[in-house]
C-alpha atoms as a PDB file:
ATOM      1  CA  MET A   1      55.371 124.196  59.850  1.00  0.00           C
ATOM      2  CA  THR A   2      53.708 127.471  60.042  1.00  0.00           C
ATOM      3  CA  MET A   3      52.714 128.755  63.316  1.00  0.00           C
ATOM      4  CA  ASP A   4      48.799 130.252  63.494  1.00  0.00           C
ATOM      5  CA  TRP A   5      49.817 133.171  64.538  1.00  0.00           C
ATOM      6  CA  THR A   6      45.866 133.616  65.676  1.00  0.00           C
ATOM      7  CA  ALA A   7      46.224 131.199  68.286  1.00  0.00           C
ATOM      8  CA  VAL A   8      49.227 132.843  69.372  1.00  0.00           C
ATOM      9  CA  LEU A   9      47.192 135.842  69.652  1.00  0.00           C
ATOM     10  CA  ASP A  10      44.429 134.144  71.312  1.00  0.00           C
ATOM     11  CA  ALA A  11      46.785 132.739  73.695  1.00  0.00           C
ATOM     12  CA  LEU A  12      48.202 136.067  74.701  1.00  0.00           C
ATOM     13  CA  ILE A  13      44.673 137.614  75.372  1.00  0.00           C
ATOM     14  CA  SER A  14      43.136 134.418  77.450  1.00  0.00           C
ATOM     15  CA  THR A  15      46.143 134.945  79.672  1.00  0.00           C
ATOM     16  CA  GLN A  16      45.591 137.933  80.673  1.00  0.00           C
ATOM     17  CA  THR A  17      42.648 139.622  83.421  1.00  0.00           C
ATOM     18  CA  PRO A  18      41.753 142.953  81.811  1.00  0.00           C
ATOM     19  CA  ALA A  19      41.946 145.839  84.805  1.00  0.00           C
ATOM     20  CA  LEU A  20      38.866 147.559  84.730  1.00  0.00           C
ATOM     21  CA  PRO A  21      38.548 151.379  85.718  1.00  0.00           C
ATOM     22  CA  ALA A  22      36.730 151.800  89.213  1.00  0.00           C
ATOM     23  CA  PRO A  23      33.175 152.327  89.494  1.00  0.00           C
ATOM     24  CA  ALA A  24      33.619 155.556  91.647  1.00  0.00           C
ATOM     25  CA  LEU A  25      36.122 156.648  89.487  1.00  0.00           C
ATOM     26  CA  MET A  26      33.766 156.173  86.249  1.00  0.00           C
ATOM     27  CA  ARG A  27      31.399 158.243  87.846  1.00  0.00           C
ATOM     28  CA  ILE A  28      33.691 161.348  88.208  1.00  0.00           C
ATOM     29  CA  THR A  29      35.427 161.570  84.936  1.00  0.00           C
ATOM     30  CA  GLN A  30      32.720 160.434  82.567  1.00  0.00           C
ATOM     31  CA  PRO A  31      31.128 164.163  82.975  1.00  0.00           C
ATOM     32  CA  LEU A  32      34.231 165.434  83.930  1.00  0.00           C
ATOM     33  CA  SER A  33      35.659 164.397  80.363  1.00  0.00           C
ATOM     34  CA  TRP A  34      32.494 165.216  78.432  1.00  0.00           C
ATOM     35  CA  ALA A  35      32.476 168.514  80.294  1.00  0.00           C
ATOM     36  CA  ILE A  36      36.414 169.639  78.919  1.00  0.00           C
ATOM     37  CA  VAL A  37      35.452 167.557  75.456  1.00  0.00           C
ATOM     38  CA  LEU A  38      32.300 170.223  74.580  1.00  0.00           C
ATOM     39  CA  THR A  39      33.853 173.320  76.511  1.00  0.00           C
ATOM     40  CA  CYS A  40      36.824 172.584  74.108  1.00  0.00           C
ATOM     41  CA  ILE A  41      34.758 172.329  71.348  1.00  0.00           C
ATOM     42  CA  VAL A  42      32.838 175.469  71.697  1.00  0.00           C
ATOM     43  CA  MET A  43      36.028 177.885  72.992  1.00  0.00           C
ATOM     44  CA  TRP A  44      37.728 176.395  69.538  1.00  0.00           C
ATOM     45  CA  VAL A  45      34.114 177.367  67.681  1.00  0.00           C
ATOM     46  CA  GLY A  46      34.731 180.446  68.959  1.00  0.00           C
ATOM     47  CA  ARG A  47      37.736 181.680  69.161  1.00  0.00           C
ATOM     48  CA  ARG A  48      37.090 184.804  66.529  1.00  0.00           C
ATOM     49  CA  TRP A  49      34.387 185.786  68.997  1.00  0.00           C
ATOM     50  CA  PRO A  50      34.044 188.495  71.710  1.00  0.00           C
ATOM     51  CA  ARG A  51      36.518 187.177  74.668  1.00  0.00           C
ATOM     52  CA  ARG A  52      33.645 187.329  77.304  1.00  0.00           C
ATOM     53  CA  LEU A  53      31.043 185.962  75.380  1.00  0.00           C
ATOM     54  CA  GLN A  54      33.516 183.135  74.540  1.00  0.00           C
ATOM     55  CA  PHE A  55      34.218 182.248  78.240  1.00  0.00           C
ATOM     56  CA  GLY A  56      31.129 182.867  79.507  1.00  0.00           C
ATOM     57  CA  LEU A  57      28.766 180.291  77.164  1.00  0.00           C
ATOM     58  CA  ALA A  58      31.883 177.727  77.744  1.00  0.00           C
ATOM     59  CA  GLY A  59      32.077 178.166  81.014  1.00  0.00           C
ATOM     60  CA  LEU A  60      28.291 177.827  81.548  1.00  0.00           C
ATOM     61  CA  LEU A  61      28.616 174.634  79.238  1.00  0.00           C
ATOM     62  CA  PHE A  62      30.969 173.247  81.652  1.00  0.00           C
ATOM     63  CA  VAL A  63      29.111 173.729  84.853  1.00  0.00           C
ATOM     64  CA  TRP A  64      25.862 172.552  83.004  1.00  0.00           C
ATOM     65  CA  THR A  65      27.858 169.434  81.866  1.00  0.00           C
ATOM     66  CA  LEU A  66      28.633 168.973  85.139  1.00  0.00           C
ATOM     67  CA  ILE A  67      25.029 168.354  86.886  1.00  0.00           C
ATOM     68  CA  PRO A  68      24.595 164.909  87.466  1.00  0.00           C
ATOM     69  CA  GLY A  69      21.081 163.971  85.813  1.00  0.00           C
ATOM     70  CA  PRO A  70      19.281 163.599  82.818  1.00  0.00           C
ATOM     71  CA  VAL A  71      19.715 167.518  82.849  1.00  0.00           C
ATOM     72  CA  SER A  72      23.038 167.064  81.714  1.00  0.00           C
ATOM     73  CA  PRO A  73      24.368 166.841  78.137  1.00  0.00           C
ATOM     74  CA  ALA A  74      27.205 164.369  79.885  1.00  0.00           C
ATOM     75  CA  PHE A  75      24.204 161.943  80.614  1.00  0.00           C
ATOM     76  CA  TRP A  76      22.899 161.400  77.174  1.00  0.00           C
ATOM     77  CA  LEU A  77      26.263 161.606  75.839  1.00  0.00           C
ATOM     78  CA  GLY A  78      27.371 158.753  77.681  1.00  0.00           C
ATOM     79  CA  LEU A  79      24.724 156.615  76.839  1.00  0.00           C
ATOM     80  CA  ALA A  80      25.398 157.027  73.453  1.00  0.00           C
ATOM     81  CA  PHE A  81      29.536 156.698  73.900  1.00  0.00           C
ATOM     82  CA  GLN A  82      30.206 156.265  77.164  1.00  0.00           C
ATOM     83  CA  MET A  83      32.787 158.437  77.445  1.00  0.00           C
ATOM     84  CA  PRO A  84      35.361 160.551  75.399  1.00  0.00           C
ATOM     85  CA  SER A  85      39.031 158.488  75.080  1.00  0.00           C
ATOM     86  CA  LEU A  86      42.095 159.923  77.020  1.00  0.00           C
ATOM     87  CA  THR A  87      43.427 161.291  73.579  1.00  0.00           C
ATOM     88  CA  SER A  88      40.351 163.368  73.462  1.00  0.00           C
ATOM     89  CA  GLY A  89      40.264 164.270  76.781  1.00  0.00           C
ATOM     90  CA  VAL A  90      43.926 165.297  76.660  1.00  0.00           C
ATOM     91  CA  VAL A  91      43.881 167.485  73.733  1.00  0.00           C
ATOM     92  CA  GLY A  92      40.981 169.643  74.708  1.00  0.00           C
ATOM     93  CA  LEU A  93      42.940 170.489  77.809  1.00  0.00           C
ATOM     94  CA  LEU A  94      45.231 171.637  76.359  1.00  0.00           C
ATOM     95  CA  ILE A  95      43.418 173.838  73.249  1.00  0.00           C
ATOM     96  CA  MET A  96      41.405 175.378  75.913  1.00  0.00           C
ATOM     97  CA  VAL A  97      44.951 176.402  78.180  1.00  0.00           C
ATOM     98  CA  SER A  98      46.333 177.331  74.758  1.00  0.00           C
ATOM     99  CA  ILE A  99      42.961 179.398  73.568  1.00  0.00           C
ATOM    100  CA  LEU A 100      43.168 181.312  77.345  1.00  0.00           C
ATOM    101  CA  ARG A 101      46.908 181.885  76.699  1.00  0.00           C
ATOM    102  CA  THR A 102      46.947 183.300  73.508  1.00  0.00           C
ATOM    103  CA  GLY A 103      43.875 183.046  71.961  1.00  0.00           C
ATOM    104  CA  SER A 104      44.918 180.482  69.521  1.00  0.00           C
ATOM    105  CA  CYS A 105      44.932 176.655  69.349  1.00  0.00           C
ATOM    106  CA  SER A 106      48.007 175.994  66.914  1.00  0.00           C
ATOM    107  CA  PRO A 107      50.237 173.140  67.733  1.00  0.00           C
ATOM    108  CA  GLY A 108      52.718 175.250  66.914  1.00  0.00           C
ATOM    109  CA  SER A 109      54.710 177.674  64.224  1.00  0.00           C
ATOM    110  CA  VAL A 110      57.270 174.755  63.374  1.00  0.00           C
ATOM    111  CA  PRO A 111      56.205 173.113  59.912  1.00  0.00           C
ATOM    112  CA  ALA A 112      57.665 170.197  61.335  1.00  0.00           C
ATOM    113  CA  SER A 113      55.599 169.996  64.707  1.00  0.00           C
ATOM    114  CA  LEU A 114      52.402 170.364  62.393  1.00  0.00           C
ATOM    115  CA  ARG A 115      53.148 167.809  60.002  1.00  0.00           C
ATOM    116  CA  ALA A 116      54.019 165.332  62.904  1.00  0.00           C
ATOM    117  CA  PHE A 117      50.231 165.682  64.375  1.00  0.00           C
ATOM    118  CA  GLN A 118      49.025 165.620  60.661  1.00  0.00           C
ATOM    119  CA  TRP A 119      50.998 161.961  60.810  1.00  0.00           C
ATOM    120  CA  ALA A 120      49.566 160.977  64.136  1.00  0.00           C
ATOM    121  CA  GLY A 121      45.960 162.239  62.996  1.00  0.00           C
ATOM    122  CA  LEU A 122      46.232 159.868  60.181  1.00  0.00           C
ATOM    123  CA  GLY A 123      47.560 156.896  62.270  1.00  0.00           C
ATOM    124  CA  GLY A 124      44.137 157.638  64.192  1.00  0.00           C
ATOM    125  CA  VAL A 125      41.891 157.585  60.712  1.00  0.00           C
ATOM    126  CA  LEU A 126      43.682 153.993  60.407  1.00  0.00           C
ATOM    127  CA  LEU A 127      42.919 152.940  63.632  1.00  0.00           C
ATOM    128  CA  GLY A 128      39.578 153.771  63.450  1.00  0.00           C
ATOM    129  CA  TRP A 129      38.553 151.969  60.252  1.00  0.00           C
ATOM    130  CA  LEU A 130      40.477 148.555  61.623  1.00  0.00           C
ATOM    131  CA  LEU A 131      37.999 148.918  64.631  1.00  0.00           C
ATOM    132  CA  LEU A 132      34.986 149.216  62.467  1.00  0.00           C
ATOM    133  CA  LEU A 133      36.453 146.515  60.197  1.00  0.00           C
ATOM    134  CA  ASP A 134      36.608 144.417  63.893  1.00  0.00           C
ATOM    135  CA  THR A 135      33.064 145.589  65.281  1.00  0.00           C
ATOM    136  CA  PHE A 136      32.256 143.392  61.384  1.00  0.00           C
ATOM    137  CA  ALA A 137      34.517 140.852  62.399  1.00  0.00           C
ATOM    138  CA  VAL A 138      36.214 140.991  59.168  1.00  0.00           C
ATOM    139  CA  LEU A 139      39.324 140.941  60.660  1.00  0.00           C
ATOM    140  CA  PRO A 140      40.911 137.222  60.980  1.00  0.00           C
ATOM    141  CA  LEU A 141      41.646 138.055  64.666  1.00  0.00           C
ATOM    142  CA  SER A 142      39.723 139.976  67.139  1.00  0.00           C
ATOM    143  CA  LEU A 143      41.479 143.295  67.303  1.00  0.00           C
ATOM    144  CA  TYR A 144      39.963 144.833  69.660  1.00  0.00           C
ATOM    145  CA  ALA A 145      40.249 142.236  72.395  1.00  0.00           C
ATOM    146  CA  LEU A 146      43.956 142.528  72.326  1.00  0.00           C
ATOM    147  CA  GLY A 147      43.709 146.088  73.301  1.00  0.00           C
ATOM    148  CA  PHE A 148      43.592 144.640  77.089  1.00  0.00           C
ATOM    149  CA  SER A 149      46.434 143.095  76.370  1.00  0.00           C
ATOM    150  CA  PRO A 150      49.621 144.405  78.382  1.00  0.00           C
ATOM    151  CA  VAL A 151      51.785 143.827  74.715  1.00  0.00           C
ATOM    152  CA  VAL A 152      49.700 145.596  72.891  1.00  0.00           C
ATOM    153  CA  LEU A 153      50.170 148.972  75.186  1.00  0.00           C
ATOM    154  CA  GLY A 154      54.142 147.727  74.757  1.00  0.00           C
ATOM    155  CA  VAL A 155      53.947 148.487  71.445  1.00  0.00           C
ATOM    156  CA  ALA A 156      51.550 151.935  71.532  1.00  0.00           C
ATOM    157  CA  ALA A 157      54.473 153.463  73.750  1.00  0.00           C
ATOM    158  CA  LEU A 158      56.705 152.245  70.958  1.00  0.00           C
ATOM    159  CA  LEU A 159      54.868 153.866  67.873  1.00  0.00           C
ATOM    160  CA  ALA A 160      54.315 156.877  70.531  1.00  0.00           C
ATOM    161  CA  SER A 161      57.835 157.246  70.415  1.00  0.00           C
ATOM    162  CA  LEU A 162      58.302 157.495  66.566  1.00  0.00           C
ATOM    163  CA  SER A 163      57.573 160.545  66.500  1.00  0.00           C
ATOM    164  CA  TRP A 164      60.339 161.932  68.256  1.00  0.00           C
ATOM    165  CA  MET A 165      62.731 159.462  66.155  1.00  0.00           C
ATOM    166  CA  VAL A 166      61.291 161.011  62.781  1.00  0.00           C
ATOM    167  CA  PHE A 167      61.207 164.873  64.118  1.00  0.00           C
ATOM    168  CA  GLY A 168      62.612 164.783  67.136  1.00  0.00           C
ATOM    169  CA  SER A 169      66.270 166.194  65.921  1.00  0.00           C
ATOM    170  CA  GLN A 170      64.114 169.644  64.702  1.00  0.00           C
ATOM    171  CA  GLN A 171      62.420 169.307  68.528  1.00  0.00           C
ATOM    172  CA  ALA A 172      58.836 169.098  66.527  1.00  0.00           C
ATOM    173  CA  GLY A 173      58.244 165.617  67.126  1.00  0.00           C
ATOM    174  CA  ARG A 174      58.085 165.631  70.955  1.00  0.00           C
ATOM    175  CA  PRO A 175      54.897 167.603  71.338  1.00  0.00           C
ATOM    176  CA  VAL A 176      53.276 164.459  69.752  1.00  0.00           C
ATOM    177  CA  SER A 177      55.199 161.848  71.452  1.00  0.00           C
ATOM    178  CA  PHE A 178      54.969 163.782  74.955  1.00  0.00           C
ATOM    179  CA  LEU A 179      51.011 163.575  74.006  1.00  0.00           C
ATOM    180  CA  LEU A 180      50.991 159.998  72.972  1.00  0.00           C
ATOM    181  CA  GLY A 181      52.771 159.495  76.134  1.00  0.00           C
ATOM    182  CA  ALA A 182      50.735 161.077  79.038  1.00  0.00           C
ATOM    183  CA  VAL A 183      47.891 159.479  77.445  1.00  0.00           C
ATOM    184  CA  LEU A 184      49.105 156.158  78.117  1.00  0.00           C
ATOM    185  CA  LEU A 185      51.034 157.106  81.523  1.00  0.00           C
ATOM    186  CA  LEU A 186      47.029 158.150  82.224  1.00  0.00           C
ATOM    187  CA  TYR A 187      45.884 155.048  80.936  1.00  0.00           C
ATOM    188  CA  VAL A 188      48.177 152.615  83.319  1.00  0.00           C
ATOM    189  CA  LEU A 189      47.069 154.243  86.277  1.00  0.00           C
ATOM    190  CA  LEU A 190      43.488 154.549  85.713  1.00  0.00           C
ATOM    191  CA  ARG A 191      42.704 152.345  83.001  1.00  0.00           C
ATOM    192  CA  LEU A 192      40.047 154.701  81.728  1.00  0.00           C
ATOM    193  CA  PRO A 193      38.049 154.881  79.872  1.00  0.00           C
ATOM    194  CA  THR A 194      37.199 151.208  79.728  1.00  0.00           C
ATOM    195  CA  GLY A 195      40.387 149.085  80.912  1.00  0.00           C
ATOM    196  CA  ASN A 196      41.251 148.626  76.686  1.00  0.00           C
ATOM    197  CA  VAL A 197      44.068 150.840  74.924  1.00  0.00           C
ATOM    198  CA  TRP A 198      42.331 150.766  71.974  1.00  0.00           C
ATOM    199  CA  ASP A 199      39.050 153.372  73.918  1.00  0.00           C
ATOM    200  CA  ALA A 200      42.135 155.155  75.304  1.00  0.00           C
ATOM    201  CA  LEU A 201      43.413 156.132  72.050  1.00  0.00           C
ATOM    202  CA  ILE A 202      40.507 156.821  70.328  1.00  0.00           C
ATOM    203  CA  ASP A 203      36.975 157.449  70.389  1.00  0.00           C
ATOM    204  CA  PRO A 204      34.335 157.651  67.715  1.00  0.00           C
ATOM    205  CA  LEU A 205      33.869 161.347  68.234  1.00  0.00           C
ATOM    206  CA  LEU A 206      37.430 161.576  67.753  1.00  0.00           C
ATOM    207  CA  TRP A 207      37.584 159.351  65.071  1.00  0.00           C
ATOM    208  CA  ILE A 208      35.203 161.271  62.623  1.00  0.00           C
ATOM    209  CA  ALA A 209      37.111 164.565  63.660  1.00  0.00           C
ATOM    210  CA  LEU A 210      40.240 163.285  62.392  1.00  0.00           C
ATOM    211  CA  GLN A 211      38.837 161.924  58.925  1.00  0.00           C
ATOM    212  CA  LEU A 212      37.068 165.665  58.453  1.00  0.00           C
ATOM    213  CA  GLY A 213      40.475 167.132  59.352  1.00  0.00           C
ATOM    214  CA  TRP A 214      42.126 164.943  56.187  1.00  0.00           C
ATOM    215  CA  LEU A 215      39.254 166.135  53.972  1.00  0.00           C
ATOM    216  CA  LEU A 216      39.353 169.491  54.216  1.00  0.00           C
ATOM    217  CA  ARG A 217      43.289 169.383  53.753  1.00  0.00           C
ATOM    218  CA  ALA A 218      42.600 167.242  50.791  1.00  0.00           C
ATOM    219  CA  ALA A 219      39.933 169.507  49.556  1.00  0.00           C
ATOM    220  CA  ARG A 220      42.654 172.667  49.986  1.00  0.00           C
ATOM    221  CA  TRP A 221      45.399 170.865  48.126  1.00  0.00           C
ATOM    222  CA  LEU A 222      42.930 170.437  45.389  1.00  0.00           C
ATOM    223  CA  SER A 223      41.879 174.043  45.211  1.00  0.00           C
ATOM    224  CA  GLU A 224      45.497 174.765  45.228  1.00  0.00           C
ATOM    225  CA  ARG A 225      46.186 172.577  42.753  1.00  0.00           C
ATOM    226  CA  TRP A 226      43.379 173.855  40.769  1.00  0.00           C
ATOM    227  CA  ARG A 227      44.216 177.468  40.741  1.00  0.00           C
ATOM    228  CA  ALA A 228      47.579 176.964  39.999  1.00  0.00           C
ATOM    229  CA  ARG A 229      46.643 175.238  36.972  1.00  0.00           C
ATOM    230  CA  ALA A 230      43.863 178.075  36.077  1.00  0.00           C
ATOM    231  CA  PRO A 231      46.776 180.205  34.069  1.00  0.00           C
ATOM    232  CA  THR A 232      47.879 177.447  31.880  1.00  0.00           C
ATOM    233  CA  ARG A 233      44.518 176.489  30.817  1.00  0.00           C
ATOM    234  CA  ALA A 234      43.883 179.978  29.857  1.00  0.00           C
END
């Protein structure tokens, strides 16, 4: 006798009542989260600009995004993407603080720490592709609907600790685990942005950014391989 796992998963979903964020909280956090993400992008792009110019433009953009109504970029971005994921908000805030303190946004000087962030980014890329396939009903079950289940939240918390377990002896995987743990804790407390854990972990813009990062790393690796073989061909 074989077990119908699809029926089991559907039963898990149907027995749970999704906990949605409060509308008043959404009205506050939506422009604030976009302000953090957009300001982070400006500060990262302009990290080699004069600090007065960098901070001045970032501050103006932050205030502009918080203005209510259609004049704000958050209004139009909210129509297209609703609001960024909690991961984007937390990462953006950490990058802003790092640039303000040191002028750099590197995850750390330990190579293993960088590898931990790269593997976490790869996990985000794969999750985004799975959710995209789910959007077109390619998967045998509704992956997005599973995001409302507390079981999936527990699995996500377990996966968040993987970086610590793999790189923990070097204290290099802890930043990734702390980051994902903070995101999941905020999700449990606030249920932002939609009450679905997948929306808390990733959003379309973050997914595109992670893929671009991996493509750039692949291009650099191929370029280095090509230059290394150049003397041999000569």
